[in-house]
Protein backbone atom coordinates (compact mmCIF):
# COMPACT_ATOMS: atom_id res chain seq x y z
CA MET A 1 -9.54 -26.51 98.44
CA LYS A 2 -6.12 -27.55 99.72
CA LYS A 3 -5.49 -29.82 96.74
CA THR A 4 -6.58 -27.09 94.31
CA GLY A 5 -4.12 -24.67 95.94
CA THR A 6 -1.31 -27.20 95.71
CA LEU A 7 -2.13 -27.96 92.10
CA THR A 8 -2.28 -24.24 91.24
CA THR A 9 1.06 -23.66 92.93
CA ALA A 10 2.65 -26.59 91.09
CA ILE A 11 1.35 -25.39 87.73
CA PHE A 12 2.54 -21.86 88.41
CA CYS A 13 6.00 -23.07 89.38
CA MET A 14 6.26 -25.28 86.32
CA ALA A 15 5.07 -22.49 84.00
CA PHE A 16 7.86 -20.19 85.10
CA ALA A 17 10.57 -22.78 85.78
CA GLY A 18 12.04 -22.67 82.30
CA THR A 19 12.58 -18.92 82.44
CA SER A 20 14.19 -18.94 85.87
CA VAL A 21 16.44 -21.91 85.09
CA ALA A 22 17.53 -20.34 81.81
CA GLN A 23 18.82 -17.43 83.88
CA MET A 24 20.60 -19.64 86.43
CA SER A 25 24.07 -21.01 85.94
CA VAL A 26 24.58 -24.74 86.45
CA GLU A 27 26.45 -23.93 89.66
CA ASP A 28 23.51 -21.90 90.94
CA GLN A 29 21.06 -24.72 90.07
CA ILE A 30 23.18 -27.18 92.02
CA GLU A 31 23.57 -24.79 94.99
CA ALA A 32 19.85 -24.00 95.10
CA ARG A 33 18.73 -27.61 94.96
CA GLN A 34 21.27 -28.67 97.57
CA ALA A 35 20.04 -25.88 99.83
CA ALA A 36 16.44 -27.03 99.35
CA TYR A 37 17.31 -30.63 100.24
CA GLN A 38 19.39 -29.52 103.20
CA PHE A 39 16.44 -27.47 104.47
CA MET A 40 14.15 -30.48 104.15
CA SER A 41 16.72 -32.68 105.88
CA TRP A 42 16.94 -30.28 108.79
CA ASN A 43 13.16 -30.35 109.14
CA MET A 44 13.12 -34.14 108.81
CA GLY A 45 15.68 -34.26 111.64
CA LYS A 46 13.24 -32.43 113.90
CA ILE A 47 10.51 -34.96 113.17
CA LYS A 48 12.92 -37.90 113.61
CA ALA A 49 14.18 -36.60 116.95
CA GLN A 50 10.65 -36.20 118.31
CA ALA A 51 8.51 -38.89 116.70
CA ILE A 52 11.03 -41.67 116.07
CA GLU A 53 13.98 -41.48 118.45
CA GLY A 54 12.35 -39.60 121.29
CA ASP A 55 15.54 -37.58 121.91
CA VAL A 56 13.39 -34.43 122.01
CA GLU A 57 10.01 -34.08 123.70
CA PHE A 58 7.19 -34.48 121.18
CA ASN A 59 5.71 -31.15 120.17
CA ALA A 60 2.83 -31.43 117.71
CA LYS A 61 3.16 -27.76 116.65
CA GLN A 62 6.85 -28.17 115.82
CA ILE A 63 6.15 -31.39 113.94
CA MET A 64 3.40 -29.64 111.94
CA ALA A 65 5.70 -26.73 111.10
CA ALA A 66 8.44 -29.13 109.95
CA ALA A 67 5.98 -31.15 107.86
CA ASN A 68 4.65 -27.96 106.29
CA ALA A 69 8.18 -26.88 105.40
CA ILE A 70 8.96 -30.24 103.83
CA ALA A 71 5.75 -30.31 101.82
CA ALA A 72 6.16 -26.70 100.67
CA THR A 73 9.72 -27.39 99.50
CA ALA A 74 8.72 -30.66 97.82
CA ASN A 75 5.96 -28.80 95.92
CA SER A 76 8.08 -25.77 95.01
CA GLY A 77 9.14 -26.93 91.56
CA LEU A 78 12.49 -28.46 92.48
CA GLY A 79 12.57 -30.25 89.12
CA ALA A 80 13.46 -26.90 87.53
CA LEU A 81 16.81 -27.06 89.34
CA PHE A 82 17.91 -30.14 87.44
CA SER A 83 19.46 -29.79 84.00
CA PRO A 84 21.54 -32.26 81.99
CA ASP A 85 24.61 -30.11 82.59
CA SER A 86 24.17 -30.39 86.37
CA THR A 87 25.18 -34.05 86.65
CA LEU A 88 28.39 -35.36 88.21
CA ASP A 89 29.91 -36.15 84.81
CA LYS A 90 29.59 -32.50 83.69
CA ALA A 91 29.66 -30.39 86.88
CA ASP A 92 31.52 -30.14 90.15
CA ASN A 93 30.01 -30.27 93.62
CA THR A 94 27.17 -32.65 92.79
CA ARG A 95 26.36 -36.30 93.08
CA LEU A 96 23.50 -36.36 90.57
CA LYS A 97 23.99 -39.34 88.21
CA PRO A 98 23.42 -38.90 84.49
CA GLU A 99 20.84 -41.70 84.79
CA PHE A 100 18.47 -39.03 86.07
CA PHE A 101 18.13 -37.80 82.48
CA GLU A 102 18.62 -41.19 80.84
CA GLN A 103 15.61 -42.60 82.75
CA PRO A 104 13.10 -39.70 82.73
CA GLU A 105 10.06 -41.94 83.46
CA LYS A 106 11.78 -43.35 86.52
CA ALA A 107 12.86 -39.88 87.64
CA ARG A 108 9.27 -38.61 87.31
CA GLU A 109 7.96 -41.62 89.23
CA VAL A 110 10.44 -41.24 92.05
CA GLY A 111 9.91 -37.47 92.25
CA GLY A 112 6.13 -37.87 92.17
CA ASN A 113 6.30 -40.45 94.96
CA PHE A 114 8.37 -38.06 97.05
CA VAL A 115 5.89 -35.19 96.61
CA ARG A 116 2.94 -37.49 97.40
CA GLU A 117 4.61 -38.81 100.56
CA ALA A 118 5.60 -35.28 101.68
CA ASN A 119 2.02 -34.09 101.22
CA LYS A 120 0.73 -37.08 103.14
CA LEU A 121 3.15 -36.37 105.97
CA GLN A 122 1.76 -32.85 106.15
CA GLU A 123 -1.79 -34.26 106.38
CA VAL A 124 -0.86 -36.85 109.02
CA ALA A 125 1.14 -34.26 111.05
CA ALA A 126 -2.06 -32.17 111.37
CA SER A 127 -3.57 -35.06 113.36
CA GLY A 128 -0.89 -34.88 116.04
CA ASP A 129 -0.88 -38.70 116.23
CA LYS A 130 2.73 -39.57 116.99
CA ALA A 131 2.47 -43.19 115.81
CA ALA A 132 0.85 -42.17 112.52
CA ILE A 133 3.49 -39.48 112.00
CA ALA A 134 6.25 -41.98 112.62
CA LYS A 135 4.69 -44.37 110.09
CA GLN A 136 4.34 -41.70 107.42
CA PHE A 137 7.81 -40.37 108.14
CA ALA A 138 9.15 -43.83 107.31
CA ALA A 139 7.21 -43.80 104.04
CA LEU A 140 8.69 -40.42 103.16
CA GLY A 141 12.14 -41.75 104.02
CA LYS A 142 11.64 -44.65 101.63
CA SER A 143 10.81 -42.21 98.86
CA CYS A 144 14.03 -40.29 99.60
CA LYS A 145 16.00 -43.52 99.54
CA ALA A 146 14.50 -44.51 96.19
CA CYS A 147 15.87 -41.37 94.61
CA HIS A 148 19.27 -41.75 96.27
CA ASP A 149 19.49 -45.40 95.24
CA ASN A 150 18.67 -44.60 91.61
CA PHE A 151 20.10 -41.16 90.97
CA ARG A 152 22.64 -40.17 93.60
CA ASP A 153 26.28 -41.20 93.53
CA ASP A 154 27.89 -42.33 96.78
């Protein structure tokens, strides 16, 4: 049931993405996607502080809430916020490399890996197993790094 709901949500987002992006300026696309990634980063920081670094006492409910937020954002249709005019060679306030559109298969692969790892983090977080959460958090981090290495300018 959970996978069906996720698939339905993804299809729904993709079906309406073209319309919403057509109405958004390039600047708004960049601002919206940066806000989404900042929100995920904030939630990843909560998990890192509790499950990796131990700076904050481990709280399974907070970890679950953070993992849910990350997965929901990853599955929200973020791809609709990327257009060829929103790359660093055509727009201000972005570090998106043009290679994102020059290598669409690689972009889809990297994005798909990120969504898969975010969904798996959500599943693992439900277990409350700190070691398993830490391991999956590392896998999610690798998927983030893959995108940054390929498509984000320093």
